[in-house]
C-alpha cells in the first residue's frame, strides 16, 4: 500500500511539473509559434510519462507544421500511454490517411469506435475514409448512424447528404440538405450541399446560385470556428484567410460542377472569378 501511494504521489508530481509546459505550449500554438510550442509539449511529455495529452498536443502541432511522420510517431506514443485515447487514434488516422494508407487509418478509427461508439467525429471520419476508398455503402452507414445519434448535427447531416448523393438517392439527399439549412441557416455546408444536389439534377443555374450563397458564408464561418479554438489576432486572421481560400478552391475544383466550370454565365452566377473561364 505504501509503495502504491508513493507511486501515485510521484505521478501527480510529474503531472504538476508538466502542466506549465503544457499551458505555455497552448499559448504558443494560439499565437502561431508552433516550433516553440512543440518544444514545450516535448518537455511536458518527458515530465509526465503517464499522460497522453502532451503527446497528443505534440502530434497536433507537428501535423500542422507538415511533419506528418513525426506527428504519427507522437500519436503512436500517446496511444501506447493510453490505449483508450480517442484523440490519439484520430490523429494517427489523419496522418495515415495523408500518407495514403486509408486501410490503416480506418482501422485506427474502428478501434477508437469500440471504445467510444457514439462519437460522431469518429463515425464521420471513418465514413469519409470509406467514401475515398469507394465503399459507398460503408460511408452511407456511418453517416446515417451519426445522424441517428444527433439529428441536428451540421457535419453529420452534410455528410449524410453527400453519401446519399453518391448512392444515387438524389431526392433524399436534397431533403437532407434542406433539413440542414433549417437547423443552421448560416451554414455554408447546407448551400454547398444544395449546389451538389442541383448539379446531380443537371440544374446549372440553381447550382450556381447555391454556390454563390455558400461562398458568402465561408469566411465568417471559418473565422468563428477558429476563434472558438482559441486563435487570436494575426494568427486568427491568417488561419481564417487560409481556411477560406482552401474551401473556395475546393468548391471550384469539385468535379460535380466540371461540365460548367468554363461557362462564363455559370461562373458569374456562382460568384467565381471569370478569368478561369477562358
C-alpha atoms as a PDB file:
ATOM      1  CA  UNK A   1       0.000   0.000   0.000  1.00  0.00           C
ATOM      2  CA  UNK A   2       2.781   2.412   0.900  1.00  0.00           C
ATOM      3  CA  UNK A   3       4.628   1.715  -2.344  1.00  0.00           C
ATOM      4  CA  UNK A   4       1.443   2.300  -4.371  1.00  0.00           C
ATOM      5  CA  UNK A   5       0.807   5.569  -2.563  1.00  0.00           C
ATOM      6  CA  UNK A   6       4.351   6.723  -3.268  1.00  0.00           C
ATOM      7  CA  UNK A   7       3.994   5.883  -6.960  1.00  0.00           C
ATOM      8  CA  UNK A   8       0.709   7.821  -7.174  1.00  0.00           C
ATOM      9  CA  UNK A   9       2.331  10.780  -5.431  1.00  0.00           C
ATOM     10  CA  UNK A  10       5.274  10.754  -7.841  1.00  0.00           C
ATOM     11  CA  UNK A  11       2.930  10.549 -10.847  1.00  0.00           C
ATOM     12  CA  UNK A  12       0.968  13.530  -9.552  1.00  0.00           C
ATOM     13  CA  UNK A  13       4.168  15.500  -9.059  1.00  0.00           C
ATOM     14  CA  UNK A  14       5.298  14.667 -12.594  1.00  0.00           C
ATOM     15  CA  UNK A  15       1.949  15.776 -13.991  1.00  0.00           C
ATOM     16  CA  UNK A  16       2.056  19.009 -11.998  1.00  0.00           C
ATOM     17  CA  UNK A  17       5.571  19.825 -13.198  1.00  0.00           C
ATOM     18  CA  UNK A  18       4.456  19.208 -16.780  1.00  0.00           C
ATOM     19  CA  UNK A  19       1.402  21.491 -16.514  1.00  0.00           C
ATOM     20  CA  UNK A  20       3.266  24.820 -17.009  1.00  0.00           C
ATOM     21  CA  UNK A  21       4.920  23.488 -20.165  1.00  0.00           C
ATOM     22  CA  UNK A  22       1.582  22.247 -21.482  1.00  0.00           C
ATOM     23  CA  UNK A  23      -0.011  25.624 -20.785  1.00  0.00           C
ATOM     24  CA  UNK A  24       2.846  27.527 -22.454  1.00  0.00           C
ATOM     25  CA  UNK A  25       2.594  25.243 -25.457  1.00  0.00           C
ATOM     26  CA  UNK A  26      -1.116  26.019 -25.790  1.00  0.00           C
ATOM     27  CA  UNK A  27      -0.464  29.773 -25.674  1.00  0.00           C
ATOM     28  CA  UNK A  28       2.314  29.487 -28.246  1.00  0.00           C
ATOM     29  CA  UNK A  29       0.083  27.497 -30.616  1.00  0.00           C
ATOM     30  CA  UNK A  30      -2.658  30.109 -30.295  1.00  0.00           C
ATOM     31  CA  UNK A  31      -0.124  32.746 -31.313  1.00  0.00           C
ATOM     32  CA  UNK A  32       1.142  30.759 -34.278  1.00  0.00           C
ATOM     33  CA  UNK A  33       4.524  29.836 -32.712  1.00  0.00           C
ATOM     34  CA  UNK A  34       4.367  26.127 -33.377  1.00  0.00           C
ATOM     35  CA  UNK A  35       8.074  25.282 -33.228  1.00  0.00           C
ATOM     36  CA  UNK A  36       8.363  26.728 -29.729  1.00  0.00           C
ATOM     37  CA  UNK A  37       5.085  25.023 -28.765  1.00  0.00           C
ATOM     38  CA  UNK A  38       6.430  21.647 -29.899  1.00  0.00           C
ATOM     39  CA  UNK A  39       9.436  22.062 -27.613  1.00  0.00           C
ATOM     40  CA  UNK A  40       7.144  22.794 -24.661  1.00  0.00           C
ATOM     41  CA  UNK A  41       4.979  19.766 -25.402  1.00  0.00           C
ATOM     42  CA  UNK A  42       8.050  17.533 -25.628  1.00  0.00           C
ATOM     43  CA  UNK A  43       9.182  18.729 -22.223  1.00  0.00           C
ATOM     44  CA  UNK A  44       5.701  18.200 -20.798  1.00  0.00           C
ATOM     45  CA  UNK A  45       5.712  14.655 -22.186  1.00  0.00           C
ATOM     46  CA  UNK A  46       9.099  13.970 -20.612  1.00  0.00           C
ATOM     47  CA  UNK A  47       7.892  15.185 -17.225  1.00  0.00           C
ATOM     48  CA  UNK A  48       4.568  13.296 -17.455  1.00  0.00           C
ATOM     49  CA  UNK A  49       5.437   9.820 -18.791  1.00  0.00           C
ATOM     50  CA  UNK A  50       1.961   8.533 -17.967  1.00  0.00           C
ATOM     51  CA  UNK A  51      -0.016  11.291 -19.703  1.00  0.00           C
ATOM     52  CA  UNK A  52      -1.219  11.093 -23.289  1.00  0.00           C
ATOM     53  CA  UNK A  53      -2.243  14.753 -23.506  1.00  0.00           C
ATOM     54  CA  UNK A  54       1.155  16.390 -24.176  1.00  0.00           C
ATOM     55  CA  UNK A  55       1.910  13.708 -26.746  1.00  0.00           C
ATOM     56  CA  UNK A  56      -1.412  14.365 -28.482  1.00  0.00           C
ATOM     57  CA  UNK A  57      -0.761  18.101 -28.491  1.00  0.00           C
ATOM     58  CA  UNK A  58       2.719  17.480 -29.852  1.00  0.00           C
ATOM     59  CA  UNK A  59       1.240  15.347 -32.611  1.00  0.00           C
ATOM     60  CA  UNK A  60      -1.297  18.046 -33.498  1.00  0.00           C
ATOM     61  CA  UNK A  61       1.407  20.709 -33.624  1.00  0.00           C
ATOM     62  CA  UNK A  62       3.788  18.643 -35.734  1.00  0.00           C
ATOM     63  CA  UNK A  63       0.929  17.762 -38.077  1.00  0.00           C
ATOM     64  CA  UNK A  64       0.061  21.431 -38.547  1.00  0.00           C
ATOM     65  CA  UNK A  65       3.735  22.075 -39.361  1.00  0.00           C
ATOM     66  CA  UNK A  66       3.579  19.454 -42.124  1.00  0.00           C
ATOM     67  CA  UNK A  67       5.802  16.968 -40.295  1.00  0.00           C
ATOM     68  CA  UNK A  68       3.448  14.040 -40.728  1.00  0.00           C
ATOM     69  CA  UNK A  69       5.850  11.191 -39.873  1.00  0.00           C
ATOM     70  CA  UNK A  70       6.855  12.842 -36.607  1.00  0.00           C
ATOM     71  CA  UNK A  71       3.207  13.576 -35.839  1.00  0.00           C
ATOM     72  CA  UNK A  72       2.295   9.924 -36.374  1.00  0.00           C
ATOM     73  CA  UNK A  73       5.086   8.866 -34.010  1.00  0.00           C
ATOM     74  CA  UNK A  74       3.749  11.273 -31.359  1.00  0.00           C
ATOM     75  CA  UNK A  75       0.212   9.916 -31.730  1.00  0.00           C
ATOM     76  CA  UNK A  76       1.520   6.349 -31.515  1.00  0.00           C
ATOM     77  CA  UNK A  77       3.354   7.316 -28.337  1.00  0.00           C
ATOM     78  CA  UNK A  78       0.132   8.754 -26.915  1.00  0.00           C
ATOM     79  CA  UNK A  79      -1.751   5.545 -27.767  1.00  0.00           C
ATOM     80  CA  UNK A  80       0.894   3.445 -26.050  1.00  0.00           C
ATOM     81  CA  UNK A  81       0.494   5.542 -22.911  1.00  0.00           C
ATOM     82  CA  UNK A  82      -3.313   5.500 -23.080  1.00  0.00           C
ATOM     83  CA  UNK A  83      -4.800   2.874 -25.436  1.00  0.00           C
ATOM     84  CA  UNK A  84      -8.268   4.378 -24.824  1.00  0.00           C
ATOM     85  CA  UNK A  85      -7.291   7.831 -26.110  1.00  0.00           C
ATOM     86  CA  UNK A  86      -9.718   8.729 -28.887  1.00  0.00           C
ATOM     87  CA  UNK A  87      -7.729  11.877 -29.720  1.00  0.00           C
ATOM     88  CA  UNK A  88      -4.569   9.885 -30.371  1.00  0.00           C
ATOM     89  CA  UNK A  89      -6.433   7.437 -32.627  1.00  0.00           C
ATOM     90  CA  UNK A  90      -7.967  10.283 -34.614  1.00  0.00           C
ATOM     91  CA  UNK A  91      -4.595  11.956 -35.023  1.00  0.00           C
ATOM     92  CA  UNK A  92      -2.941   8.739 -36.149  1.00  0.00           C
ATOM     93  CA  UNK A  93      -5.748   8.102 -38.634  1.00  0.00           C
ATOM     94  CA  UNK A  94      -5.368  11.584 -40.079  1.00  0.00           C
ATOM     95  CA  UNK A  95      -1.611  11.180 -40.526  1.00  0.00           C
ATOM     96  CA  UNK A  96      -2.001   7.693 -42.021  1.00  0.00           C
ATOM     97  CA  UNK A  97      -4.653   8.916 -44.442  1.00  0.00           C
ATOM     98  CA  UNK A  98      -2.369  11.705 -45.624  1.00  0.00           C
ATOM     99  CA  UNK A  99       0.309   9.095 -46.250  1.00  0.00           C
ATOM    100  CA  UNK A 100      -2.162   7.178 -48.430  1.00  0.00           C
ATOM    101  CA  UNK A 101      -2.726   4.297 -46.022  1.00  0.00           C
ATOM    102  CA  UNK A 102      -6.514   4.515 -45.764  1.00  0.00           C
ATOM    103  CA  UNK A 103      -6.887   0.922 -44.585  1.00  0.00           C
ATOM    104  CA  UNK A 104      -4.678   1.549 -41.542  1.00  0.00           C
ATOM    105  CA  UNK A 105      -6.431   4.854 -40.922  1.00  0.00           C
ATOM    106  CA  UNK A 106      -9.870   3.192 -40.926  1.00  0.00           C
ATOM    107  CA  UNK A 107      -8.569   0.551 -38.538  1.00  0.00           C
ATOM    108  CA  UNK A 108      -7.456   3.245 -36.079  1.00  0.00           C
ATOM    109  CA  UNK A 109     -10.934   4.762 -36.159  1.00  0.00           C
ATOM    110  CA  UNK A 110     -12.619   1.392 -35.807  1.00  0.00           C
ATOM    111  CA  UNK A 111     -10.552   0.663 -32.683  1.00  0.00           C
ATOM    112  CA  UNK A 112     -11.493   4.081 -31.309  1.00  0.00           C
ATOM    113  CA  UNK A 113     -15.186   3.440 -32.028  1.00  0.00           C
ATOM    114  CA  UNK A 114     -15.049   0.250 -29.993  1.00  0.00           C
ATOM    115  CA  UNK A 115     -14.182   2.466 -27.038  1.00  0.00           C
ATOM    116  CA  UNK A 116     -16.459   5.384 -27.939  1.00  0.00           C
ATOM    117  CA  UNK A 117     -19.308   4.023 -30.123  1.00  0.00           C
ATOM    118  CA  UNK A 118     -21.353   7.247 -30.003  1.00  0.00           C
ATOM    119  CA  UNK A 119     -18.538   9.604 -31.004  1.00  0.00           C
ATOM    120  CA  UNK A 120     -19.836  11.498 -34.043  1.00  0.00           C
ATOM    121  CA  UNK A 121     -16.437  12.693 -35.193  1.00  0.00           C
ATOM    122  CA  UNK A 122     -15.116   9.134 -35.284  1.00  0.00           C
ATOM    123  CA  UNK A 123     -18.106   7.938 -37.284  1.00  0.00           C
ATOM    124  CA  UNK A 124     -17.889  10.792 -39.773  1.00  0.00           C
ATOM    125  CA  UNK A 125     -14.129  10.441 -40.148  1.00  0.00           C
ATOM    126  CA  UNK A 126     -14.419   6.725 -40.833  1.00  0.00           C
ATOM    127  CA  UNK A 127     -17.262   7.408 -43.258  1.00  0.00           C
ATOM    128  CA  UNK A 128     -15.082   9.907 -45.110  1.00  0.00           C
ATOM    129  CA  UNK A 129     -12.321   7.337 -45.466  1.00  0.00           C
ATOM    130  CA  UNK A 130     -14.831   4.773 -46.714  1.00  0.00           C
ATOM    131  CA  UNK A 131     -16.058   7.237 -49.338  1.00  0.00           C
ATOM    132  CA  UNK A 132     -12.493   7.871 -50.503  1.00  0.00           C
ATOM    133  CA  UNK A 133     -11.970   4.132 -50.832  1.00  0.00           C
ATOM    134  CA  UNK A 134     -15.131   3.852 -52.946  1.00  0.00           C
ATOM    135  CA  UNK A 135     -17.023   1.915 -50.274  1.00  0.00           C
ATOM    136  CA  UNK A 136     -20.277   3.832 -50.696  1.00  0.00           C
ATOM    137  CA  UNK A 137     -22.405   1.585 -48.517  1.00  0.00           C
ATOM    138  CA  UNK A 138     -19.995   1.793 -45.588  1.00  0.00           C
ATOM    139  CA  UNK A 139     -19.804   5.578 -45.961  1.00  0.00           C
ATOM    140  CA  UNK A 140     -23.597   5.826 -46.021  1.00  0.00           C
ATOM    141  CA  UNK A 141     -23.953   3.539 -42.994  1.00  0.00           C
ATOM    142  CA  UNK A 142     -21.570   5.610 -40.863  1.00  0.00           C
ATOM    143  CA  UNK A 143     -23.200   8.907 -41.861  1.00  0.00           C
ATOM    144  CA  UNK A 144     -26.701   7.535 -41.254  1.00  0.00           C
ATOM    145  CA  UNK A 145     -25.670   6.267 -37.832  1.00  0.00           C
ATOM    146  CA  UNK A 146     -24.230   9.687 -36.967  1.00  0.00           C
ATOM    147  CA  UNK A 147     -27.495  11.415 -37.932  1.00  0.00           C
ATOM    148  CA  UNK A 148     -29.492   8.950 -35.846  1.00  0.00           C
ATOM    149  CA  UNK A 149     -27.277   9.746 -32.867  1.00  0.00           C
ATOM    150  CA  UNK A 150     -27.706  13.506 -33.306  1.00  0.00           C
ATOM    151  CA  UNK A 151     -30.247  14.619 -35.884  1.00  0.00           C
ATOM    152  CA  UNK A 152     -29.362  18.327 -35.638  1.00  0.00           C
ATOM    153  CA  UNK A 153     -25.610  17.985 -36.129  1.00  0.00           C
ATOM    154  CA  UNK A 154     -24.467  20.001 -39.159  1.00  0.00           C
ATOM    155  CA  UNK A 155     -21.427  17.874 -40.176  1.00  0.00           C
ATOM    156  CA  UNK A 156     -23.475  14.680 -39.786  1.00  0.00           C
ATOM    157  CA  UNK A 157     -26.335  15.978 -41.937  1.00  0.00           C
ATOM    158  CA  UNK A 158     -23.913  17.317 -44.555  1.00  0.00           C
ATOM    159  CA  UNK A 159     -22.011  14.047 -44.828  1.00  0.00           C
ATOM    160  CA  UNK A 160     -25.234  12.060 -44.872  1.00  0.00           C
ATOM    161  CA  UNK A 161     -26.499  14.186 -47.761  1.00  0.00           C
ATOM    162  CA  UNK A 162     -23.302  13.640 -49.736  1.00  0.00           C
ATOM    163  CA  UNK A 163     -23.393   9.903 -49.035  1.00  0.00           C
ATOM    164  CA  UNK A 164     -26.982   9.742 -50.271  1.00  0.00           C
ATOM    165  CA  UNK A 165     -25.949  11.547 -53.463  1.00  0.00           C
ATOM    166  CA  UNK A 166     -23.083   9.125 -54.017  1.00  0.00           C
ATOM    167  CA  UNK A 167     -25.508   6.245 -53.511  1.00  0.00           C
ATOM    168  CA  UNK A 168     -27.863   7.658 -56.164  1.00  0.00           C
ATOM    169  CA  UNK A 169     -30.559   8.697 -53.679  1.00  0.00           C
ATOM    170  CA  UNK A 170     -30.874  12.227 -55.068  1.00  0.00           C
ATOM    171  CA  UNK A 171     -34.312  13.284 -53.712  1.00  0.00           C
ATOM    172  CA  UNK A 172     -33.365  12.029 -50.235  1.00  0.00           C
ATOM    173  CA  UNK A 173     -30.117  14.000 -50.430  1.00  0.00           C
ATOM    174  CA  UNK A 174     -31.998  17.182 -51.344  1.00  0.00           C
ATOM    175  CA  UNK A 175     -34.342  16.711 -48.383  1.00  0.00           C
ATOM    176  CA  UNK A 176     -31.337  16.211 -46.091  1.00  0.00           C
ATOM    177  CA  UNK A 177     -29.666  19.440 -47.223  1.00  0.00           C
ATOM    178  CA  UNK A 178     -32.961  21.297 -46.745  1.00  0.00           C
ATOM    179  CA  UNK A 179     -33.125  19.900 -43.240  1.00  0.00           C
ATOM    180  CA  UNK A 180     -29.555  21.051 -42.622  1.00  0.00           C
ATOM    181  CA  UNK A 181     -30.425  24.612 -43.638  1.00  0.00           C
ATOM    182  CA  UNK A 182     -33.415  24.612 -41.301  1.00  0.00           C
ATOM    183  CA  UNK A 183     -31.138  23.558 -38.450  1.00  0.00           C
ATOM    184  CA  UNK A 184     -28.361  26.027 -39.356  1.00  0.00           C
ATOM    185  CA  UNK A 185     -29.403  28.735 -41.854  1.00  0.00           C
ATOM    186  CA  UNK A 186     -25.940  30.382 -41.981  1.00  0.00           C
ATOM    187  CA  UNK A 187     -24.241  27.095 -42.804  1.00  0.00           C
ATOM    188  CA  UNK A 188     -22.077  27.105 -45.959  1.00  0.00           C
ATOM    189  CA  UNK A 189     -22.315  23.298 -45.962  1.00  0.00           C
ATOM    190  CA  UNK A 190     -26.075  23.490 -46.409  1.00  0.00           C
ATOM    191  CA  UNK A 191     -25.882  25.680 -49.509  1.00  0.00           C
ATOM    192  CA  UNK A 192     -22.940  23.751 -50.908  1.00  0.00           C
ATOM    193  CA  UNK A 193     -24.904  20.552 -50.451  1.00  0.00           C
ATOM    194  CA  UNK A 194     -27.815  22.135 -52.299  1.00  0.00           C
ATOM    195  CA  UNK A 195     -25.410  23.041 -55.115  1.00  0.00           C
ATOM    196  CA  UNK A 196     -24.299  19.418 -55.347  1.00  0.00           C
ATOM    197  CA  UNK A 197     -27.936  18.301 -55.355  1.00  0.00           C
ATOM    198  CA  UNK A 198     -28.823  20.663 -58.210  1.00  0.00           C
ATOM    199  CA  UNK A 199     -25.708  19.583 -60.120  1.00  0.00           C
ATOM    200  CA  UNK A 200     -26.842  15.965 -59.827  1.00  0.00           C
ATOM    201  CA  UNK A 201     -30.138  17.024 -61.401  1.00  0.00           C
ATOM    202  CA  UNK A 202     -28.393  18.975 -64.181  1.00  0.00           C
ATOM    203  CA  UNK A 203     -29.720  22.336 -62.919  1.00  0.00           C
ATOM    204  CA  UNK A 204     -26.787  24.659 -63.649  1.00  0.00           C
ATOM    205  CA  UNK A 205     -28.482  27.945 -62.720  1.00  0.00           C
ATOM    206  CA  UNK A 206     -29.735  26.715 -59.355  1.00  0.00           C
ATOM    207  CA  UNK A 207     -26.369  25.084 -58.620  1.00  0.00           C
ATOM    208  CA  UNK A 208     -24.603  28.393 -59.324  1.00  0.00           C
ATOM    209  CA  UNK A 209     -26.971  30.310 -57.027  1.00  0.00           C
ATOM    210  CA  UNK A 210     -26.372  27.845 -54.209  1.00  0.00           C
ATOM    211  CA  UNK A 211     -22.603  28.059 -54.723  1.00  0.00           C
ATOM    212  CA  UNK A 212     -22.713  31.836 -54.505  1.00  0.00           C
ATOM    213  CA  UNK A 213     -24.716  31.640 -51.270  1.00  0.00           C
ATOM    214  CA  UNK A 214     -22.220  29.151 -49.825  1.00  0.00           C
ATOM    215  CA  UNK A 215     -19.238  31.304 -50.812  1.00  0.00           C
ATOM    216  CA  UNK A 216     -20.570  34.313 -48.896  1.00  0.00           C
ATOM    217  CA  UNK A 217     -20.750  32.256 -45.705  1.00  0.00           C
ATOM    218  CA  UNK A 218     -17.359  30.540 -45.871  1.00  0.00           C
ATOM    219  CA  UNK A 219     -15.211  33.335 -44.427  1.00  0.00           C
ATOM    220  CA  UNK A 220     -17.369  34.205 -41.381  1.00  0.00           C
ATOM    221  CA  UNK A 221     -17.901  30.511 -40.671  1.00  0.00           C
ATOM    222  CA  UNK A 222     -14.152  29.773 -40.792  1.00  0.00           C
ATOM    223  CA  UNK A 223     -13.359  32.720 -38.554  1.00  0.00           C
ATOM    224  CA  UNK A 224     -15.981  31.733 -35.982  1.00  0.00           C
ATOM    225  CA  UNK A 225     -14.737  28.147 -35.797  1.00  0.00           C
ATOM    226  CA  UNK A 226     -11.082  29.120 -35.461  1.00  0.00           C
ATOM    227  CA  UNK A 227     -11.918  31.729 -32.840  1.00  0.00           C
ATOM    228  CA  UNK A 228     -13.703  29.040 -30.819  1.00  0.00           C
ATOM    229  CA  UNK A 229     -10.459  27.048 -30.906  1.00  0.00           C
ATOM    230  CA  UNK A 230      -8.660  29.919 -29.183  1.00  0.00           C
ATOM    231  CA  UNK A 231      -6.868  31.599 -32.087  1.00  0.00           C
ATOM    232  CA  UNK A 232      -6.494  35.361 -31.803  1.00  0.00           C
ATOM    233  CA  UNK A 233      -5.037  38.392 -33.548  1.00  0.00           C
ATOM    234  CA  UNK A 234      -2.746  37.878 -36.534  1.00  0.00           C
ATOM    235  CA  UNK A 235      -2.768  34.098 -36.073  1.00  0.00           C
ATOM    236  CA  UNK A 236      -6.574  34.089 -36.333  1.00  0.00           C
ATOM    237  CA  UNK A 237      -6.539  36.393 -39.376  1.00  0.00           C
ATOM    238  CA  UNK A 238      -4.003  34.207 -41.188  1.00  0.00           C
ATOM    239  CA  UNK A 239      -5.686  30.898 -40.333  1.00  0.00           C
ATOM    240  CA  UNK A 240      -9.139  32.215 -41.311  1.00  0.00           C
ATOM    241  CA  UNK A 241      -7.822  33.535 -44.615  1.00  0.00           C
ATOM    242  CA  UNK A 242      -6.077  30.245 -45.401  1.00  0.00           C
ATOM    243  CA  UNK A 243      -9.133  28.176 -44.458  1.00  0.00           C
ATOM    244  CA  UNK A 244     -11.397  30.386 -46.582  1.00  0.00           C
ATOM    245  CA  UNK A 245      -9.119  30.225 -49.620  1.00  0.00           C
ATOM    246  CA  UNK A 246      -8.806  26.466 -49.247  1.00  0.00           C
ATOM    247  CA  UNK A 247     -12.562  25.938 -49.011  1.00  0.00           C
ATOM    248  CA  UNK A 248     -13.328  28.149 -52.006  1.00  0.00           C
ATOM    249  CA  UNK A 249     -10.649  26.432 -54.091  1.00  0.00           C
ATOM    250  CA  UNK A 250     -12.131  23.033 -53.223  1.00  0.00           C
ATOM    251  CA  UNK A 251     -15.603  24.197 -54.260  1.00  0.00           C
ATOM    252  CA  UNK A 252     -14.343  25.432 -57.625  1.00  0.00           C
ATOM    253  CA  UNK A 253     -12.390  22.232 -58.262  1.00  0.00           C
ATOM    254  CA  UNK A 254     -15.299  19.919 -57.420  1.00  0.00           C
ATOM    255  CA  UNK A 255     -15.895  17.575 -60.397  1.00  0.00           C
ATOM    256  CA  UNK A 256     -19.641  17.874 -59.755  1.00  0.00           C
ATOM    257  CA  UNK A 257     -19.516  21.292 -61.471  1.00  0.00           C
ATOM    258  CA  UNK A 258     -16.874  20.414 -64.051  1.00  0.00           C
ATOM    259  CA  UNK A 259     -19.241  20.472 -67.032  1.00  0.00           C
ATOM    260  CA  UNK A 260     -19.975  24.168 -66.395  1.00  0.00           C
ATOM    261  CA  UNK A 261     -16.614  25.256 -64.990  1.00  0.00           C
ATOM    262  CA  UNK A 262     -15.632  27.255 -68.093  1.00  0.00           C
ATOM    263  CA  UNK A 263     -19.075  28.718 -68.756  1.00  0.00           C
ATOM    264  CA  UNK A 264     -18.883  32.477 -68.035  1.00  0.00           C
ATOM    265  CA  UNK A 265     -22.572  32.566 -67.167  1.00  0.00           C
ATOM    266  CA  UNK A 266     -22.229  29.801 -64.620  1.00  0.00           C
ATOM    267  CA  UNK A 267     -19.098  31.346 -63.112  1.00  0.00           C
ATOM    268  CA  UNK A 268     -20.826  34.710 -62.848  1.00  0.00           C
ATOM    269  CA  UNK A 269     -23.831  33.152 -61.138  1.00  0.00           C
ATOM    270  CA  UNK A 270     -21.607  31.206 -58.756  1.00  0.00           C
ATOM    271  CA  UNK A 271     -19.512  34.302 -57.999  1.00  0.00           C
ATOM    272  CA  UNK A 272     -16.382  32.601 -59.335  1.00  0.00           C
ATOM    273  CA  UNK A 273     -13.518  34.548 -60.995  1.00  0.00           C
ATOM    274  CA  UNK A 274     -14.239  34.959 -64.701  1.00  0.00           C
ATOM    275  CA  UNK A 275     -10.557  34.755 -65.641  1.00  0.00           C
ATOM    276  CA  UNK A 276     -10.640  30.952 -65.427  1.00  0.00           C
ATOM    277  CA  UNK A 277     -13.482  30.774 -67.960  1.00  0.00           C
ATOM    278  CA  UNK A 278     -11.108  31.284 -70.855  1.00  0.00           C
END
